[in-house]
Amino acid sequence: MSRPATVLLTLALALPGRADAQVEAAEDAYSQGVEAFNAGESAKAIALFRRALIGLGEANPLFTSTLYNLGRTALALQKTAPDAVQACEGAAWFGQFLERADRGDARLQGAIADAHAGQAALSRLCAGQRAVEVAPAPPPAQTTTEARSPDHVLAWSLTGGAVAVLGAGVAFNLLARGSLEERDATYKRFQAATNDADAARYEAETRGHEDDASTRATVSYVLLGTGAALAGAATWAWLREPSEPTVAVGLGPAGAAFSVGGRW
């Protein structure tokens, strides 16, 4: 990435700003996040940018800049502390920035190019790391293979990739559902609040859970779509390859077995 986060900060602060104390606090968190990022404190920066995103509201000019800076910071964190969830969230933040960015604004062309490259890099990290996380540990097995052809490498690879990516998509869908449940619970606390301070805190938490649910749902849909495409490619690979001798596999502890038979 070649353009510093301060570029978007300069552009956004030139536009109209503060409406109330909550927005002012969010804008201060944004500025502190930029300072932390430029100082190399990426973990601190991403926490500040998250806080800013919750309090700004989509109509605030800084909202789009915050999405970009969240994506950049998530990408920077992958170099020191790889994290599958954060990689997927970073790809989604870059995607939301690209949806909102004014492509006719010459000042944003560098940031838009950075976002495209960053989204691609984070998406690869997301898919690869989630594949490792969701793949179940193999059970004790005894395998007997009768002359499996090495030509099946492509088909097996596509099949494994489809299973892993679809599993990641399901995992993120469950995370999104969990965030929605947390949002509903926090909203009930907001309704029951007896003073302004508690009400403001629960309102901010409710928005945060809703944003998390939206981001995780977006990542889930991307992964499920990618997994479906891989599954289609795997089916094509299996069908186009010539038939080979039957592959028999026996799995399970003593006394129990699972067999797969056929001409693959």
Protein backbone atom coordinates (compact mmCIF):
# COMPACT_ATOMS: atom_id res chain seq x y z
CA MET A 1 0.00 0.00 0.00
CA SER A 2 1.54 3.31 -1.03
CA ARG A 3 -0.77 6.09 0.20
CA PRO A 4 -0.86 6.99 3.90
CA ALA A 5 -4.13 7.05 5.83
CA THR A 6 -3.69 10.81 6.40
CA VAL A 7 -4.71 11.49 2.79
CA LEU A 8 -8.33 10.54 3.46
CA LEU A 9 -8.24 12.37 6.78
CA THR A 10 -7.36 15.64 5.00
CA LEU A 11 -10.10 15.19 2.43
CA ALA A 12 -12.79 14.34 4.95
CA LEU A 13 -12.04 17.15 7.41
CA ALA A 14 -12.50 19.67 4.64
CA LEU A 15 -16.21 18.77 4.63
CA PRO A 16 -18.95 19.78 7.14
CA GLY A 17 -18.69 17.93 10.42
CA ARG A 18 -19.79 17.81 14.01
CA ALA A 19 -23.41 17.58 15.02
CA ASP A 20 -23.40 16.44 18.66
CA ALA A 21 -21.19 15.14 21.45
CA GLN A 22 -21.32 11.54 20.24
CA VAL A 23 -20.21 12.51 16.73
CA GLU A 24 -17.49 14.75 18.15
CA ALA A 25 -16.16 11.85 20.24
CA ALA A 26 -16.23 9.61 17.16
CA GLU A 27 -14.31 12.15 15.09
CA ASP A 28 -11.73 12.47 17.86
CA ALA A 29 -11.39 8.67 17.87
CA TYR A 30 -10.86 8.81 14.10
CA SER A 31 -8.05 11.37 14.45
CA GLN A 32 -6.41 9.34 17.21
CA GLY A 33 -6.69 6.23 15.02
CA VAL A 34 -4.82 7.95 12.19
CA GLU A 35 -2.08 9.00 14.62
CA ALA A 36 -1.81 5.47 16.00
CA PHE A 37 -1.66 3.97 12.50
CA ASN A 38 1.08 6.36 11.40
CA ALA A 39 2.99 5.52 14.61
CA GLY A 40 2.86 1.81 13.75
CA GLU A 41 0.35 0.95 16.50
CA SER A 42 -2.06 -0.97 14.28
CA ALA A 43 -3.92 -2.81 17.06
CA LYS A 44 -4.67 0.47 18.82
CA ALA A 45 -5.60 2.12 15.52
CA ILE A 46 -8.16 -0.52 14.54
CA ALA A 47 -9.88 -0.24 17.94
CA LEU A 48 -10.13 3.54 17.54
CA PHE A 49 -11.43 3.29 13.97
CA ARG A 50 -14.07 0.78 15.11
CA ARG A 51 -15.19 3.22 17.79
CA ALA A 52 -15.32 6.02 15.22
CA LEU A 53 -17.39 3.93 12.78
CA ILE A 54 -20.01 3.23 15.46
CA GLY A 55 -20.48 6.88 16.43
CA LEU A 56 -20.19 8.67 13.09
CA GLY A 57 -23.26 7.47 11.20
CA GLU A 58 -23.30 6.83 7.46
CA ALA A 59 -24.14 10.44 6.56
CA ASN A 60 -20.91 11.75 8.12
CA PRO A 61 -18.15 12.47 5.56
CA LEU A 62 -15.65 10.60 7.75
CA PHE A 63 -17.65 7.35 7.59
CA THR A 64 -16.29 6.36 4.16
CA SER A 65 -12.75 7.36 5.16
CA THR A 66 -13.05 5.21 8.28
CA LEU A 67 -13.98 2.15 6.19
CA TYR A 68 -10.85 2.65 4.08
CA ASN A 69 -8.60 3.10 7.12
CA LEU A 70 -10.10 0.02 8.81
CA GLY A 71 -9.24 -2.03 5.73
CA ARG A 72 -5.67 -0.67 5.64
CA THR A 73 -5.16 -1.31 9.33
CA ALA A 74 -6.53 -4.87 9.10
CA LEU A 75 -4.09 -5.55 6.25
CA ALA A 76 -1.18 -4.14 8.29
CA LEU A 77 -2.09 -6.35 11.26
CA GLN A 78 -1.89 -9.50 9.12
CA LYS A 79 1.88 -9.00 8.89
CA THR A 80 2.38 -9.24 12.66
CA ALA A 81 -0.72 -11.01 14.00
CA PRO A 82 -2.54 -13.04 11.31
CA ASP A 83 -6.21 -13.45 12.15
CA ALA A 84 -8.78 -15.04 9.85
CA VAL A 85 -11.79 -13.11 11.16
CA GLN A 86 -9.97 -9.79 10.92
CA ALA A 87 -8.75 -10.59 7.39
CA CYS A 88 -12.33 -11.28 6.30
CA GLU A 89 -13.60 -8.13 8.03
CA GLY A 90 -10.83 -6.09 6.39
CA ALA A 91 -11.85 -7.36 2.94
CA ALA A 92 -15.46 -6.41 3.70
CA TRP A 93 -14.43 -2.91 4.90
CA PHE A 94 -12.50 -2.31 1.70
CA GLY A 95 -15.52 -3.54 -0.27
CA GLN A 96 -17.86 -1.13 1.52
CA PHE A 97 -15.40 1.73 0.90
CA LEU A 98 -15.31 0.93 -2.82
CA GLU A 99 -19.12 0.94 -2.95
CA ARG A 100 -19.25 4.42 -1.40
CA ALA A 101 -16.15 6.10 -2.89
CA ASP A 102 -16.70 8.76 -5.54
CA ARG A 103 -14.77 7.31 -8.47
CA GLY A 104 -14.91 10.67 -10.23
CA ASP A 105 -12.92 12.38 -7.45
CA ALA A 106 -9.31 12.59 -8.63
CA ARG A 107 -8.12 12.86 -5.02
CA LEU A 108 -9.42 9.36 -4.25
CA GLN A 109 -7.92 7.47 -7.19
CA GLY A 110 -4.88 6.29 -5.23
CA ALA A 111 -7.03 5.20 -2.29
CA ILE A 112 -9.40 3.33 -4.63
CA ALA A 113 -6.48 1.47 -6.23
CA ASP A 114 -5.11 0.64 -2.76
CA ALA A 115 -8.53 -0.64 -1.69
CA HIS A 116 -8.83 -2.96 -4.70
CA ALA A 117 -5.38 -4.45 -4.05
CA GLY A 118 -5.95 -4.68 -0.29
CA GLN A 119 -9.33 -6.35 -0.70
CA ALA A 120 -7.83 -8.99 -2.99
CA ALA A 121 -4.96 -9.70 -0.55
CA LEU A 122 -7.23 -9.93 2.49
CA SER A 123 -9.74 -12.14 0.64
CA ARG A 124 -6.96 -14.63 -0.10
CA LEU A 125 -5.85 -14.59 3.53
CA CYS A 126 -9.46 -14.94 4.66
CA ALA A 127 -10.14 -17.98 2.48
CA GLY A 128 -6.83 -19.67 3.28
CA GLN A 129 -6.87 -19.18 7.03
CA ARG A 130 -10.55 -20.02 7.46
CA ALA A 131 -9.95 -23.22 5.50
CA VAL A 132 -7.37 -24.25 8.12
CA GLU A 133 -9.64 -23.27 11.02
CA VAL A 134 -12.84 -24.97 9.91
CA ALA A 135 -11.29 -28.20 8.58
CA PRO A 136 -12.19 -30.90 11.14
CA ALA A 137 -9.49 -33.09 12.58
CA PRO A 138 -9.50 -36.44 10.80
CA PRO A 139 -10.74 -39.39 12.92
CA PRO A 140 -8.62 -42.49 13.40
CA ALA A 141 -8.79 -44.25 10.07
CA GLN A 142 -7.63 -47.22 8.11
CA THR A 143 -7.54 -46.49 4.42
CA THR A 144 -7.20 -48.93 1.61
CA THR A 145 -6.86 -47.47 -1.85
CA GLU A 146 -6.87 -49.51 -5.00
CA ALA A 147 -4.84 -47.84 -7.71
CA ARG A 148 -6.02 -44.21 -7.37
CA SER A 149 -4.91 -42.24 -10.39
CA PRO A 150 -2.63 -39.21 -9.80
CA ASP A 151 -4.75 -37.41 -12.41
CA HIS A 152 -7.36 -36.78 -9.69
CA VAL A 153 -5.21 -34.14 -7.98
CA LEU A 154 -7.17 -31.24 -9.50
CA ALA A 155 -10.55 -32.73 -8.65
CA TRP A 156 -9.54 -33.50 -5.07
CA SER A 157 -8.05 -30.02 -4.64
CA LEU A 158 -11.20 -28.31 -5.89
CA THR A 159 -13.38 -30.51 -3.72
CA GLY A 160 -11.33 -29.78 -0.61
CA GLY A 161 -11.32 -26.06 -1.37
CA ALA A 162 -15.08 -26.02 -1.85
CA VAL A 163 -15.68 -27.79 1.46
CA ALA A 164 -13.32 -25.46 3.33
CA VAL A 165 -14.70 -22.23 1.85
CA LEU A 166 -18.32 -23.32 2.30
CA GLY A 167 -17.50 -24.23 5.90
CA ALA A 168 -16.03 -20.77 6.42
CA GLY A 169 -19.15 -19.20 4.93
CA VAL A 170 -21.38 -21.15 7.31
CA ALA A 171 -19.14 -20.15 10.24
CA PHE A 172 -19.42 -16.47 9.39
CA ASN A 173 -23.17 -16.79 8.92
CA LEU A 174 -23.40 -18.18 12.45
CA LEU A 175 -21.23 -15.31 13.72
CA ALA A 176 -23.58 -12.83 12.03
CA ARG A 177 -26.57 -14.45 13.69
CA GLY A 178 -24.80 -14.23 17.04
CA SER A 179 -24.16 -10.51 16.51
CA LEU A 180 -27.85 -9.97 15.73
CA GLU A 181 -28.81 -11.72 18.95
CA GLU A 182 -26.38 -9.52 20.88
CA ARG A 183 -27.84 -6.46 19.15
CA ASP A 184 -31.36 -7.41 20.20
CA ALA A 185 -30.28 -8.00 23.80
CA THR A 186 -28.44 -4.66 23.95
CA TYR A 187 -31.39 -2.85 22.40
CA LYS A 188 -33.64 -4.17 25.19
CA ARG A 189 -31.17 -2.77 27.73
CA PHE A 190 -31.25 0.54 25.84
CA GLN A 191 -35.05 0.64 26.08
CA ALA A 192 -34.88 -0.12 29.80
CA ALA A 193 -32.17 2.47 30.54
CA THR A 194 -33.08 4.91 33.31
CA ASN A 195 -30.54 7.66 32.55
CA ASP A 196 -29.00 9.33 29.50
CA ALA A 197 -25.50 7.93 30.06
CA ASP A 198 -26.68 4.30 30.04
CA ALA A 199 -28.98 4.97 27.10
CA ALA A 200 -26.11 6.46 25.05
CA ARG A 201 -23.82 3.54 25.91
CA TYR A 202 -26.37 0.87 25.02
CA GLU A 203 -27.27 2.70 21.81
CA ALA A 204 -23.60 2.71 20.74
CA GLU A 205 -23.26 -0.99 21.61
CA THR A 206 -26.41 -1.78 19.64
CA ARG A 207 -25.01 -0.02 16.58
CA GLY A 208 -21.72 -1.84 16.99
CA HIS A 209 -23.38 -5.27 17.08
CA GLU A 210 -25.49 -4.36 14.04
CA ASP A 211 -22.38 -3.27 12.09
CA ASP A 212 -20.60 -6.50 13.07
CA ALA A 213 -23.61 -8.53 11.92
CA SER A 214 -23.69 -6.70 8.57
CA THR A 215 -19.95 -7.18 7.97
CA ARG A 216 -20.00 -10.86 8.90
CA ALA A 217 -23.09 -11.51 6.79
CA THR A 218 -21.37 -9.90 3.79
CA VAL A 219 -18.27 -12.06 4.29
CA SER A 220 -20.52 -15.11 4.66
CA TYR A 221 -22.26 -14.45 1.34
CA VAL A 222 -18.93 -13.92 -0.44
CA LEU A 223 -17.52 -17.18 0.94
CA LEU A 224 -20.68 -19.15 0.19
CA GLY A 225 -20.70 -17.86 -3.38
CA THR A 226 -17.02 -18.71 -3.81
CA GLY A 227 -17.58 -22.15 -2.31
CA ALA A 228 -20.47 -22.81 -4.68
CA ALA A 229 -18.28 -21.85 -7.64
CA LEU A 230 -15.52 -24.20 -6.44
CA ALA A 231 -18.07 -26.98 -5.98
CA GLY A 232 -19.21 -26.50 -9.57
CA ALA A 233 -15.62 -26.60 -10.80
CA ALA A 234 -14.97 -29.73 -8.74
CA THR A 235 -18.00 -31.45 -10.29
CA TRP A 236 -16.73 -30.57 -13.75
CA ALA A 237 -13.27 -31.93 -12.90
CA TRP A 238 -14.67 -35.24 -11.65
CA LEU A 239 -16.89 -35.69 -14.71
CA ARG A 240 -14.21 -34.89 -17.29
CA GLU A 241 -11.60 -37.30 -15.91
CA PRO A 242 -11.62 -40.94 -17.10
CA SER A 243 -12.99 -43.66 -14.85
CA GLU A 244 -10.48 -45.43 -12.63
CA PRO A 245 -10.61 -48.58 -10.49
CA THR A 246 -12.87 -48.42 -7.46
CA VAL A 247 -11.59 -46.49 -4.44
CA ALA A 248 -12.57 -48.13 -1.16
CA VAL A 249 -12.14 -46.24 2.11
CA GLY A 250 -12.80 -47.60 5.59
CA LEU A 251 -13.11 -45.15 8.48
CA GLY A 252 -13.90 -45.45 12.18
CA PRO A 253 -12.85 -46.98 15.49
CA ALA A 254 -12.69 -50.70 16.06
CA GLY A 255 -15.86 -52.48 15.06
CA ALA A 256 -17.33 -49.57 13.08
CA ALA A 257 -16.68 -48.71 9.48
CA PHE A 258 -17.78 -46.32 6.80
CA SER A 259 -17.23 -47.33 3.18
CA VAL A 260 -17.26 -45.32 -0.01
CA GLY A 261 -17.29 -47.26 -3.24
CA GLY A 262 -17.53 -46.21 -6.85
CA ARG A 263 -15.66 -45.46 -10.06
CA TRP A 264 -14.19 -41.93 -9.68
